[in-house]
C-alpha atoms as a PDB file:
ATOM      1  CA  MET A   1     109.717 124.675 139.378  1.00  0.00           C
ATOM      2  CA  GLY A   2     108.836 127.906 140.544  1.00  0.00           C
ATOM      3  CA  SER A   3     108.450 130.992 138.761  1.00  0.00           C
ATOM      4  CA  ALA A   4     111.671 132.578 140.085  1.00  0.00           C
ATOM      5  CA  GLY A   5     113.345 129.696 138.888  1.00  0.00           C
ATOM      6  CA  MET A   6     112.128 130.001 135.299  1.00  0.00           C
ATOM      7  CA  THR A   7     112.754 133.469 135.651  1.00  0.00           C
ATOM      8  CA  SER A   8     115.959 133.227 136.104  1.00  0.00           C
ATOM      9  CA  ARG A   9     116.703 131.189 132.814  1.00  0.00           C
ATOM     10  CA  LEU A  10     114.848 133.209 131.198  1.00  0.00           C
ATOM     11  CA  ILE A  11     117.464 135.623 131.391  1.00  0.00           C
ATOM     12  CA  ALA A  12     120.236 133.344 130.983  1.00  0.00           C
ATOM     13  CA  VAL A  13     119.119 132.466 127.628  1.00  0.00           C
ATOM     14  CA  ILE A  14     118.584 135.099 126.382  1.00  0.00           C
ATOM     15  CA  ALA A  15     122.216 136.629 127.688  1.00  0.00           C
ATOM     16  CA  PHE A  16     123.515 134.034 125.792  1.00  0.00           C
ATOM     17  CA  ALA A  17     121.950 134.887 122.333  1.00  0.00           C
ATOM     18  CA  ALA A  18     123.218 138.812 123.063  1.00  0.00           C
ATOM     19  CA  LEU A  19     127.094 137.029 123.434  1.00  0.00           C
ATOM     20  CA  ALA A  20     126.796 134.860 120.961  1.00  0.00           C
ATOM     21  CA  THR A  21     125.239 137.844 118.262  1.00  0.00           C
ATOM     22  CA  GLY A  22     128.300 139.756 119.230  1.00  0.00           C
ATOM     23  CA  CYS A  23     131.098 137.187 118.617  1.00  0.00           C
ATOM     24  CA  SER A  24     129.697 136.810 115.335  1.00  0.00           C
ATOM     25  CA  ARG A  25     129.457 140.265 114.462  1.00  0.00           C
ATOM     26  CA  THR A  26     133.272 140.645 115.637  1.00  0.00           C
ATOM     27  CA  ALA A  27     133.899 137.780 113.371  1.00  0.00           C
ATOM     28  CA  GLU A  28     132.341 139.099 110.364  1.00  0.00           C
ATOM     29  CA  THR A  29     135.180 142.223 110.689  1.00  0.00           C
ATOM     30  CA  PRO A  30     137.894 141.737 109.715  1.00  0.00           C
ATOM     31  CA  ALA A  31     136.680 139.989 106.699  1.00  0.00           C
ATOM     32  CA  ALA A  32     134.868 143.226 105.446  1.00  0.00           C
ATOM     33  CA  ASP A  33     138.148 144.996 106.540  1.00  0.00           C
ATOM     34  CA  ASP A  34     140.375 142.643 104.173  1.00  0.00           C
ATOM     35  CA  ALA A  35     137.777 143.079 101.120  1.00  0.00           C
ATOM     36  CA  ALA A  36     137.903 146.777 101.911  1.00  0.00           C
ATOM     37  CA  ALA A  37     141.895 146.921 101.385  1.00  0.00           C
ATOM     38  CA  SER A  38     142.230 144.420  98.157  1.00  0.00           C
ATOM     39  CA  SER A  39     139.652 146.678  95.948  1.00  0.00           C
ATOM     40  CA  PRO A  40     141.745 149.018  93.518  1.00  0.00           C
ATOM     41  CA  PRO A  41     140.946 153.214  94.769  1.00  0.00           C
ATOM     42  CA  ALA A  42     138.658 154.266  92.773  1.00  0.00           C
ATOM     43  CA  ALA A  43     140.670 157.350  90.309  1.00  0.00           C
ATOM     44  CA  PRO A  44     139.391 160.613  91.128  1.00  0.00           C
ATOM     45  CA  ALA A  45     136.480 161.227  89.096  1.00  0.00           C
ATOM     46  CA  ALA A  46     138.148 164.488  87.625  1.00  0.00           C
ATOM     47  CA  GLU A  47     140.814 162.673  86.721  1.00  0.00           C
ATOM     48  CA  ALA A  48     139.969 159.659  84.918  1.00  0.00           C
ATOM     49  CA  ASP A  49     137.982 161.376  82.367  1.00  0.00           C
ATOM     50  CA  GLN A  50     141.576 164.161  80.776  1.00  0.00           C
ATOM     51  CA  PRO A  51     144.322 162.398  79.177  1.00  0.00           C
ATOM     52  CA  ARG A  52     147.595 162.215  80.071  1.00  0.00           C
ATOM     53  CA  GLY A  53     149.868 164.789  79.413  1.00  0.00           C
ATOM     54  CA  ASP A  54     149.830 167.191  76.156  1.00  0.00           C
ATOM     55  CA  VAL A  55     147.699 165.477  73.333  1.00  0.00           C
ATOM     56  CA  PRO A  56     148.558 166.558  69.959  1.00  0.00           C
ATOM     57  CA  PRO A  57     145.624 168.220  67.657  1.00  0.00           C
ATOM     58  CA  ALA A  58     143.537 165.866  65.046  1.00  0.00           C
ATOM     59  CA  THR A  59     145.320 166.305  61.135  1.00  0.00           C
ATOM     60  CA  ALA A  60     143.656 164.971  58.055  1.00  0.00           C
ATOM     61  CA  PRO A  61     146.029 162.886  56.046  1.00  0.00           C
ATOM     62  CA  PRO A  62     148.338 164.380  53.480  1.00  0.00           C
ATOM     63  CA  GLY A  63     146.006 164.764  49.903  1.00  0.00           C
ATOM     64  CA  SER A  64     142.836 164.048  52.019  1.00  0.00           C
ATOM     65  CA  LEU A  65     141.714 167.438  51.782  1.00  0.00           C
ATOM     66  CA  PRO A  66     140.087 168.907  48.616  1.00  0.00           C
ATOM     67  CA  PRO A  67     142.710 171.856  46.724  1.00  0.00           C
ATOM     68  CA  ARG A  68     140.819 174.536  48.055  1.00  0.00           C
ATOM     69  CA  LEU A  69     141.720 174.024  51.526  1.00  0.00           C
ATOM     70  CA  ARG A  70     145.217 173.361  50.609  1.00  0.00           C
ATOM     71  CA  GLN A  71     145.813 176.743  49.510  1.00  0.00           C
ATOM     72  CA  ASP A  72     148.183 178.577  51.668  1.00  0.00           C
ATOM     73  CA  PRO A  73     146.795 180.331  54.526  1.00  0.00           C
ATOM     74  CA  ALA A  74     148.924 182.978  54.257  1.00  0.00           C
ATOM     75  CA  ALA A  75     147.413 183.638  50.693  1.00  0.00           C
ATOM     76  CA  LEU A  76     146.270 186.718  50.447  1.00  0.00           C
ATOM     77  CA  ALA A  77     145.157 187.027  46.507  1.00  0.00           C
ATOM     78  CA  ARG A  78     140.995 187.408  45.800  1.00  0.00           C
ATOM     79  CA  LEU A  79     138.977 188.705  43.047  1.00  0.00           C
ATOM     80  CA  ASP A  80     138.908 192.574  44.352  1.00  0.00           C
ATOM     81  CA  GLY A  81     142.297 192.781  45.153  1.00  0.00           C
ATOM     82  CA  TYR A  82     145.350 192.369  46.929  1.00  0.00           C
ATOM     83  CA  GLY A  83     145.584 192.370  50.792  1.00  0.00           C
ATOM     84  CA  ASP A  84     144.569 195.458  52.378  1.00  0.00           C
ATOM     85  CA  LEU A  85     144.683 196.626  48.603  1.00  0.00           C
ATOM     86  CA  ARG A  86     141.767 197.159  46.781  1.00  0.00           C
ATOM     87  CA  LEU A  87     140.788 196.936  43.357  1.00  0.00           C
ATOM     88  CA  GLY A  88     139.128 200.832  42.938  1.00  0.00           C
ATOM     89  CA  MET A  89     141.288 202.094  44.919  1.00  0.00           C
ATOM     90  CA  ASP A  90     143.444 205.154  43.624  1.00  0.00           C
ATOM     91  CA  ALA A  91     147.140 205.276  44.193  1.00  0.00           C
ATOM     92  CA  ALA A  92     147.039 207.522  47.626  1.00  0.00           C
ATOM     93  CA  GLN A  93     145.221 204.990  48.940  1.00  0.00           C
ATOM     94  CA  ALA A  94     146.466 201.990  47.670  1.00  0.00           C
ATOM     95  CA  ARG A  95     150.049 203.007  48.953  1.00  0.00           C
ATOM     96  CA  ALA A  96     149.116 203.898  52.317  1.00  0.00           C
ATOM     97  CA  ALA A  97     147.332 200.324  52.624  1.00  0.00           C
ATOM     98  CA  TRP A  98     150.084 198.341  51.255  1.00  0.00           C
ATOM     99  CA  GLY A  99     151.228 199.804  54.726  1.00  0.00           C
ATOM    100  CA  GLY A 100     155.159 199.829  52.960  1.00  0.00           C
ATOM    101  CA  ALA A 101     157.611 201.783  50.097  1.00  0.00           C
ATOM    102  CA  LEU A 102     156.249 200.838  46.171  1.00  0.00           C
ATOM    103  CA  ARG A 103     158.504 200.943  43.411  1.00  0.00           C
ATOM    104  CA  GLY A 104     157.362 203.331  40.761  1.00  0.00           C
ATOM    105  CA  ASP A 105     156.460 206.292  39.001  1.00  0.00           C
ATOM    106  CA  ALA A 106     153.135 207.262  37.994  1.00  0.00           C
ATOM    107  CA  ALA A 107     152.130 208.316  35.328  1.00  0.00           C
ATOM    108  CA  ALA A 108     151.871 212.035  34.164  1.00  0.00           C
ATOM    109  CA  ASP A 109     149.105 211.285  32.233  1.00  0.00           C
ATOM    110  CA  GLY A 110     146.600 210.063  34.559  1.00  0.00           C
ATOM    111  CA  GLY A 111     147.656 206.817  32.266  1.00  0.00           C
ATOM    112  CA  CYS A 112     148.984 203.604  32.797  1.00  0.00           C
ATOM    113  CA  TYR A 113     151.441 202.820  35.024  1.00  0.00           C
ATOM    114  CA  LEU A 114     152.817 199.516  37.436  1.00  0.00           C
ATOM    115  CA  LEU A 115     153.500 199.811  41.464  1.00  0.00           C
ATOM    116  CA  ARG A 116     156.324 196.685  42.987  1.00  0.00           C
ATOM    117  CA  PRO A 117     157.214 195.947  46.170  1.00  0.00           C
ATOM    118  CA  GLN A 118     160.446 196.118  46.918  1.00  0.00           C
ATOM    119  CA  TRP A 119     160.958 192.432  46.277  1.00  0.00           C
ATOM    120  CA  ALA A 120     160.236 191.902  43.503  1.00  0.00           C
ATOM    121  CA  ASP A 121     163.560 192.873  40.994  1.00  0.00           C
ATOM    122  CA  ASP A 122     160.378 193.537  38.478  1.00  0.00           C
ATOM    123  CA  ALA A 123     156.443 194.815  37.983  1.00  0.00           C
ATOM    124  CA  ARG A 124     156.302 191.149  36.339  1.00  0.00           C
ATOM    125  CA  ARG A 125     157.128 189.032  38.872  1.00  0.00           C
ATOM    126  CA  PHE A 126     154.466 191.284  41.209  1.00  0.00           C
ATOM    127  CA  GLY A 127     153.031 194.760  39.860  1.00  0.00           C
ATOM    128  CA  PHE A 128     150.230 196.623  40.985  1.00  0.00           C
ATOM    129  CA  MET A 129     148.541 198.123  37.209  1.00  0.00           C
ATOM    130  CA  PHE A 130     147.151 202.015  37.697  1.00  0.00           C
ATOM    131  CA  GLU A 131     145.383 204.505  34.686  1.00  0.00           C
ATOM    132  CA  GLY A 132     142.818 206.916  35.283  1.00  0.00           C
ATOM    133  CA  ASP A 133     144.603 207.248  39.135  1.00  0.00           C
ATOM    134  CA  ARG A 134     142.970 203.521  40.268  1.00  0.00           C
ATOM    135  CA  LEU A 135     144.127 200.059  40.800  1.00  0.00           C
ATOM    136  CA  VAL A 136     143.154 198.262  37.918  1.00  0.00           C
ATOM    137  CA  ARG A 137     144.599 195.346  38.169  1.00  0.00           C
ATOM    138  CA  TYR A 138     147.512 193.041  39.467  1.00  0.00           C
ATOM    139  CA  GLN A 139     149.645 190.569  38.315  1.00  0.00           C
ATOM    140  CA  THR A 140     152.981 188.364  39.235  1.00  0.00           C
ATOM    141  CA  ASN A 141     154.669 185.104  37.712  1.00  0.00           C
ATOM    142  CA  GLU A 142     156.204 184.061  41.024  1.00  0.00           C
ATOM    143  CA  PRO A 143     155.825 180.798  42.249  1.00  0.00           C
ATOM    144  CA  LYS A 144     155.364 181.026  45.507  1.00  0.00           C
ATOM    145  CA  GLU A 145     152.020 183.271  45.208  1.00  0.00           C
ATOM    146  CA  VAL A 146     148.267 181.574  44.892  1.00  0.00           C
ATOM    147  CA  ALA A 147     145.899 182.925  42.714  1.00  0.00           C
ATOM    148  CA  PRO A 148     142.674 183.459  43.805  1.00  0.00           C
ATOM    149  CA  GLY A 149     140.949 179.795  44.382  1.00  0.00           C
ATOM    150  CA  GLY A 150     144.208 177.857  44.672  1.00  0.00           C
ATOM    151  CA  GLY A 151     145.885 178.493  41.223  1.00  0.00           C
ATOM    152  CA  ARG A 152     149.751 178.577  40.688  1.00  0.00           C
ATOM    153  CA  VAL A 153     152.230 179.222  38.556  1.00  0.00           C
ATOM    154  CA  GLY A 154     153.974 176.449  37.430  1.00  0.00           C
ATOM    155  CA  MET A 155     150.150 174.132  37.060  1.00  0.00           C
ATOM    156  CA  THR A 156     149.222 172.385  34.110  1.00  0.00           C
ATOM    157  CA  VAL A 157     146.003 172.863  32.782  1.00  0.00           C
ATOM    158  CA  ALA A 158     144.245 169.614  34.009  1.00  0.00           C
ATOM    159  CA  GLU A 159     145.441 171.173  37.583  1.00  0.00           C
ATOM    160  CA  VAL A 160     143.753 174.436  37.022  1.00  0.00           C
ATOM    161  CA  ARG A 161     140.633 173.024  34.775  1.00  0.00           C
ATOM    162  CA  ALA A 162     140.001 171.357  37.978  1.00  0.00           C
ATOM    163  CA  LEU A 163     140.437 173.880  40.125  1.00  0.00           C
ATOM    164  CA  TYR A 164     138.208 176.091  38.618  1.00  0.00           C
ATOM    165  CA  PRO A 165     135.053 173.969  37.704  1.00  0.00           C
ATOM    166  CA  ASP A 166     132.500 176.689  36.810  1.00  0.00           C
ATOM    167  CA  GLY A 167     133.691 177.356  33.282  1.00  0.00           C
ATOM    168  CA  LEU A 168     137.248 179.353  31.900  1.00  0.00           C
ATOM    169  CA  ALA A 169     137.535 180.551  28.777  1.00  0.00           C
ATOM    170  CA  GLU A 170     139.800 179.776  27.073  1.00  0.00           C
ATOM    171  CA  GLN A 171     141.298 181.804  23.874  1.00  0.00           C
ATOM    172  CA  PRO A 172     144.671 181.753  22.351  1.00  0.00           C
ATOM    173  CA  HIS A 173     147.879 183.670  23.168  1.00  0.00           C
ATOM    174  CA  LYS A 174     148.126 186.607  21.480  1.00  0.00           C
ATOM    175  CA  TYR A 175     152.039 186.526  19.817  1.00  0.00           C
ATOM    176  CA  ILE A 176     152.741 182.659  21.028  1.00  0.00           C
ATOM    177  CA  PRO A 177     152.314 179.552  18.682  1.00  0.00           C
ATOM    178  CA  GLY A 178     150.693 176.961  20.818  1.00  0.00           C
ATOM    179  CA  ALA A 179     150.214 178.752  24.291  1.00  0.00           C
ATOM    180  CA  LEU A 180     146.787 180.120  25.863  1.00  0.00           C
ATOM    181  CA  SER A 181     144.788 181.773  28.224  1.00  0.00           C
ATOM    182  CA  LEU A 182     142.313 180.765  30.382  1.00  0.00           C
ATOM    183  CA  ARG A 183     139.670 183.619  32.072  1.00  0.00           C
ATOM    184  CA  HIS A 184     137.438 183.377  34.987  1.00  0.00           C
ATOM    185  CA  ALA A 185     135.202 185.979  35.177  1.00  0.00           C
ATOM    186  CA  ASP A 186     133.474 186.622  38.661  1.00  0.00           C
ATOM    187  CA  ALA A 187     129.816 189.118  37.944  1.00  0.00           C
ATOM    188  CA  GLN A 188     130.085 189.646  41.938  1.00  0.00           C
ATOM    189  CA  SER A 189     133.556 191.846  41.904  1.00  0.00           C
ATOM    190  CA  GLN A 190     133.263 192.521  38.485  1.00  0.00           C
ATOM    191  CA  SER A 191     136.956 191.653  37.152  1.00  0.00           C
ATOM    192  CA  ALA A 192     138.485 188.088  36.859  1.00  0.00           C
ATOM    193  CA  LEU A 193     141.628 185.662  36.823  1.00  0.00           C
ATOM    194  CA  VAL A 194     143.125 185.399  33.832  1.00  0.00           C
ATOM    195  CA  PHE A 195     146.209 182.666  33.573  1.00  0.00           C
ATOM    196  CA  ASP A 196     149.286 183.060  30.867  1.00  0.00           C
ATOM    197  CA  ILE A 197     149.794 179.056  29.983  1.00  0.00           C
ATOM    198  CA  ASP A 198     152.722 178.561  26.814  1.00  0.00           C
ATOM    199  CA  ALA A 199     152.673 176.325  24.480  1.00  0.00           C
ATOM    200  CA  ASN A 200     154.151 172.968  27.356  1.00  0.00           C
ATOM    201  CA  GLY A 201     150.922 173.875  28.626  1.00  0.00           C
ATOM    202  CA  LYS A 202     151.400 175.369  32.343  1.00  0.00           C
ATOM    203  CA  VAL A 203     150.769 178.537  33.813  1.00  0.00           C
ATOM    204  CA  THR A 204     153.950 180.801  33.694  1.00  0.00           C
ATOM    205  CA  ASN A 205     152.381 183.529  34.822  1.00  0.00           C
ATOM    206  CA  TRP A 206     148.566 184.699  36.475  1.00  0.00           C
ATOM    207  CA  ARG A 207     147.172 188.342  36.759  1.00  0.00           C
ATOM    208  CA  VAL A 208     143.699 189.592  38.685  1.00  0.00           C
ATOM    209  CA  GLY A 209     141.418 193.201  37.414  1.00  0.00           C
ATOM    210  CA  VAL A 210     138.757 194.416  35.760  1.00  0.00           C
ATOM    211  CA  ALA A 211     138.117 194.913  31.856  1.00  0.00           C
ATOM    212  CA  PRO A 212     139.636 195.746  29.250  1.00  0.00           C
ATOM    213  CA  GLN A 213     143.126 196.073  31.667  1.00  0.00           C
ATOM    214  CA  VAL A 214     143.020 192.434  33.221  1.00  0.00           C
ATOM    215  CA  ASP A 215     142.885 191.601  29.190  1.00  0.00           C
ATOM    216  CA  TYR A 216     146.453 193.927  28.595  1.00  0.00           C
ATOM    217  CA  VAL A 217     148.409 190.845  26.854  1.00  0.00           C
ATOM    218  CA  GLU A 218     151.373 193.536  26.326  1.00  0.00           C
ATOM    219  CA  GLY A 219     150.395 195.017  30.392  1.00  0.00           C
ATOM    220  CA  CYS A 220     151.401 198.588  29.979  1.00  0.00           C
ATOM    221  CA  GLY A 221     153.614 198.770  27.022  1.00  0.00           C
END
Protein backbone atom coordinates (compact mmCIF):
# COMPACT_ATOMS: atom_id res chain seq x y z
CA MET A 1 0.00 0.00 0.00
CA GLY A 2 1.30 3.45 -0.95
CA SER A 3 2.03 6.28 1.44
CA ALA A 4 -0.98 8.20 0.17
CA GLY A 5 -3.27 5.33 1.13
CA MET A 6 -1.81 5.06 4.60
CA THR A 7 -2.21 8.77 5.15
CA SER A 8 -5.87 8.65 4.14
CA ARG A 9 -6.46 5.77 6.49
CA LEU A 10 -4.81 7.54 9.42
CA ILE A 11 -6.95 10.62 8.88
CA ALA A 12 -10.10 8.49 8.88
CA VAL A 13 -9.13 6.83 12.19
CA ILE A 14 -8.48 10.20 13.87
CA ALA A 15 -11.78 11.60 12.64
CA PHE A 16 -13.68 8.59 13.97
CA ALA A 17 -12.03 8.88 17.37
CA ALA A 18 -12.91 12.57 17.61
CA LEU A 19 -16.51 11.85 16.66
CA ALA A 20 -16.80 9.11 19.32
CA THR A 21 -15.44 11.40 22.04
CA GLY A 22 -17.92 14.16 21.17
CA CYS A 23 -20.83 11.74 21.35
CA SER A 24 -19.70 10.47 24.75
CA ARG A 25 -19.54 14.00 26.24
CA THR A 26 -22.94 14.87 24.82
CA ALA A 27 -24.44 11.78 26.46
CA GLU A 28 -22.97 12.69 29.88
CA THR A 29 -24.38 16.23 29.99
CA PRO A 30 -28.07 15.33 30.67
CA ALA A 31 -27.04 13.08 33.58
CA ALA A 32 -25.14 15.93 35.21
CA ASP A 33 -28.09 18.25 34.64
CA ASP A 34 -30.48 15.71 36.21
CA ALA A 35 -28.27 15.44 39.33
CA ALA A 36 -28.14 19.19 39.72
CA ALA A 37 -31.91 19.47 39.29
CA SER A 38 -32.58 16.81 41.96
CA SER A 39 -30.38 18.53 44.61
CA PRO A 40 -32.28 20.88 47.02
CA PRO A 41 -31.38 24.56 46.65
CA ALA A 42 -28.88 25.77 49.26
CA ALA A 43 -30.27 28.23 51.81
CA PRO A 44 -28.65 31.66 51.78
CA ALA A 45 -25.90 31.86 54.41
CA ALA A 46 -27.41 34.90 56.06
CA GLU A 47 -30.76 33.15 56.61
CA ALA A 48 -29.31 29.83 57.73
CA ASP A 49 -27.78 31.39 60.87
CA GLN A 50 -30.87 33.33 61.94
CA PRO A 51 -33.98 32.01 63.75
CA ARG A 52 -37.32 32.57 62.09
CA GLY A 53 -39.58 34.98 63.96
CA ASP A 54 -39.03 36.68 67.31
CA VAL A 55 -37.28 34.69 70.01
CA PRO A 56 -38.21 35.52 73.64
CA PRO A 57 -35.35 36.33 76.04
CA ALA A 58 -34.02 33.56 78.23
CA THR A 59 -35.56 33.44 81.69
CA ALA A 60 -34.58 31.50 84.78
CA PRO A 61 -37.15 29.13 86.32
CA PRO A 62 -39.13 30.66 89.19
CA GLY A 63 -37.35 30.38 92.53
CA SER A 64 -33.95 29.63 90.98
CA LEU A 65 -32.46 33.06 91.68
CA PRO A 66 -30.91 33.97 95.04
CA PRO A 67 -32.98 36.30 97.24
CA ARG A 68 -30.90 39.39 96.50
CA LEU A 69 -31.50 39.01 92.75
CA ARG A 70 -35.25 38.59 93.27
CA GLN A 71 -35.52 42.07 94.74
CA ASP A 72 -38.07 44.31 93.09
CA PRO A 73 -36.17 46.23 90.39
CA ALA A 74 -38.15 49.34 91.33
CA ALA A 75 -36.83 49.28 94.92
CA LEU A 76 -35.38 52.61 95.91
CA ALA A 77 -34.15 51.97 99.45
CA ARG A 78 -30.43 52.09 100.19
CA LEU A 79 -28.34 52.27 103.33
CA ASP A 80 -27.28 55.83 102.48
CA GLY A 81 -30.71 57.14 101.50
CA TYR A 82 -33.85 56.60 99.46
CA GLY A 83 -34.15 57.40 95.75
CA ASP A 84 -32.44 60.73 95.15
CA LEU A 85 -32.49 61.59 98.85
CA ARG A 86 -29.33 61.09 100.90
CA LEU A 87 -28.95 60.88 104.64
CA GLY A 88 -27.48 64.18 105.84
CA MET A 89 -29.33 66.41 103.36
CA ASP A 90 -31.04 69.45 104.79
CA ALA A 91 -34.80 69.76 104.42
CA ALA A 92 -34.63 72.05 101.38
CA GLN A 93 -32.30 69.67 99.55
CA ALA A 94 -34.48 66.71 100.45
CA ARG A 95 -37.64 68.38 99.18
CA ALA A 96 -35.92 69.28 95.90
CA ALA A 97 -34.55 65.75 95.49
CA TRP A 98 -37.97 64.23 96.13
CA GLY A 99 -39.39 66.27 93.27
CA GLY A 100 -42.92 66.47 94.68
CA ALA A 101 -44.80 67.73 97.67
CA LEU A 102 -44.02 66.29 101.09
CA ARG A 103 -46.62 66.54 103.83
CA GLY A 104 -45.68 67.75 107.30
CA ASP A 105 -44.21 70.78 109.04
CA ALA A 106 -40.70 71.48 110.21
CA ALA A 107 -39.95 71.87 113.90
CA ALA A 108 -39.32 75.51 114.72
CA ASP A 109 -36.59 74.73 117.25
CA GLY A 110 -34.63 72.35 114.97
CA GLY A 111 -36.03 69.36 116.81
CA CYS A 112 -37.23 66.05 115.43
CA TYR A 113 -40.03 66.02 112.83
CA LEU A 114 -41.32 63.81 110.01
CA LEU A 115 -42.26 64.51 106.40
CA ARG A 116 -44.19 62.03 104.28
CA PRO A 117 -45.22 61.54 100.62
CA GLN A 118 -48.71 62.52 99.48
CA TRP A 119 -49.80 58.87 99.27
CA ALA A 120 -48.85 58.07 102.88
CA ASP A 121 -51.74 58.64 105.29
CA ASP A 122 -49.28 58.86 108.19
CA ALA A 123 -45.51 58.81 108.70
CA ARG A 124 -45.59 55.25 110.03
CA ARG A 125 -46.61 54.05 106.59
CA PHE A 126 -43.71 55.99 105.09
CA GLY A 127 -41.83 58.92 106.55
CA PHE A 128 -38.58 60.88 106.42
CA MET A 129 -37.20 61.92 109.80
CA PHE A 130 -35.32 65.19 110.24
CA GLU A 131 -33.45 66.42 113.26
CA GLY A 132 -31.24 69.49 113.38
CA ASP A 133 -32.72 70.18 109.92
CA ARG A 134 -30.95 67.11 108.50
CA LEU A 135 -32.38 63.90 107.06
CA VAL A 136 -31.41 61.27 109.62
CA ARG A 137 -33.78 58.38 108.95
CA TYR A 138 -36.58 56.99 106.81
CA GLN A 139 -39.12 54.42 107.95
CA THR A 140 -42.04 52.34 106.67
CA ASN A 141 -44.58 49.68 107.55
CA GLU A 142 -45.70 49.37 103.92
CA PRO A 143 -45.38 45.74 102.65
CA LYS A 144 -44.64 46.82 99.07
CA GLU A 145 -41.48 48.68 100.13
CA VAL A 146 -38.27 46.63 99.91
CA ALA A 147 -35.48 47.27 102.40
CA PRO A 148 -31.83 47.35 101.31
CA GLY A 149 -30.89 43.70 100.88
CA GLY A 150 -34.43 42.46 100.22
CA GLY A 151 -36.23 42.51 103.59
CA ARG A 152 -39.95 43.27 103.69
CA VAL A 153 -42.77 43.78 106.14
CA GLY A 154 -44.45 40.40 106.74
CA MET A 155 -41.29 38.28 106.52
CA THR A 156 -40.40 35.85 109.30
CA VAL A 157 -37.31 36.14 111.48
CA ALA A 158 -35.79 33.16 109.65
CA GLU A 159 -36.32 34.80 106.26
CA VAL A 160 -34.72 38.03 107.44
CA ARG A 161 -31.73 36.18 108.89
CA ALA A 162 -31.26 34.33 105.60
CA LEU A 163 -31.10 37.63 103.72
CA TYR A 164 -28.50 39.13 106.05
CA PRO A 165 -26.13 36.26 106.90
CA ASP A 166 -23.26 38.57 107.85
CA GLY A 167 -24.83 39.26 111.21
CA LEU A 168 -27.86 40.89 112.79
CA ALA A 169 -27.74 42.27 116.31
CA GLU A 170 -30.82 41.17 118.23
CA GLN A 171 -32.38 42.88 121.22
CA PRO A 172 -35.78 42.68 122.94
CA HIS A 173 -38.34 45.30 122.00
CA LYS A 174 -38.48 48.18 124.45
CA TYR A 175 -42.24 47.99 124.99
CA ILE A 176 -43.76 44.80 123.52
CA PRO A 177 -43.25 41.48 125.39
CA GLY A 178 -41.99 38.73 123.08
CA ALA A 179 -41.14 41.20 120.30
CA LEU A 180 -37.62 42.11 119.24
CA SER A 181 -35.51 44.26 116.94
CA LEU A 182 -32.90 43.05 114.45
CA ARG A 183 -30.21 45.59 113.58
CA HIS A 184 -27.79 45.46 110.66
CA ALA A 185 -25.01 48.08 110.86
CA ASP A 186 -23.18 49.30 107.75
CA ALA A 187 -19.69 50.70 108.36
CA GLN A 188 -19.34 52.20 104.88
CA SER A 189 -22.39 54.46 105.09
CA GLN A 190 -22.21 54.71 108.91
CA SER A 191 -25.90 53.90 109.02
CA ALA A 192 -28.04 50.99 110.13
CA LEU A 193 -31.10 49.01 109.04
CA VAL A 194 -33.48 48.01 111.83
CA PHE A 195 -36.36 45.51 111.58
CA ASP A 196 -39.04 45.46 114.28
CA ILE A 197 -40.40 41.94 114.84
CA ASP A 198 -43.70 41.27 116.62
CA ALA A 199 -44.38 38.50 119.16
CA ASN A 200 -45.46 36.20 116.30
CA GLY A 201 -42.05 36.47 114.66
CA LYS A 202 -43.09 38.69 111.71
CA VAL A 203 -41.60 41.98 110.51
CA THR A 204 -43.99 44.86 111.28
CA ASN A 205 -41.83 47.76 110.07
CA TRP A 206 -38.26 48.68 109.18
CA ARG A 207 -36.14 51.81 109.08
CA VAL A 208 -32.78 53.06 107.82
CA GLY A 209 -30.84 55.88 109.41
CA VAL A 210 -27.90 57.11 111.40
CA ALA A 211 -27.41 56.70 115.14
CA PRO A 212 -28.93 57.61 117.48
CA GLN A 213 -32.09 58.46 115.51
CA VAL A 214 -32.36 55.06 113.78
CA ASP A 215 -32.81 53.53 117.23
CA TYR A 216 -35.61 55.87 118.34
CA VAL A 217 -38.38 53.35 119.08
CA GLU A 218 -40.93 56.12 119.61
CA GLY A 219 -40.02 57.97 116.41
CA CYS A 220 -40.15 61.69 117.15
CA GLY A 221 -42.52 61.11 120.11
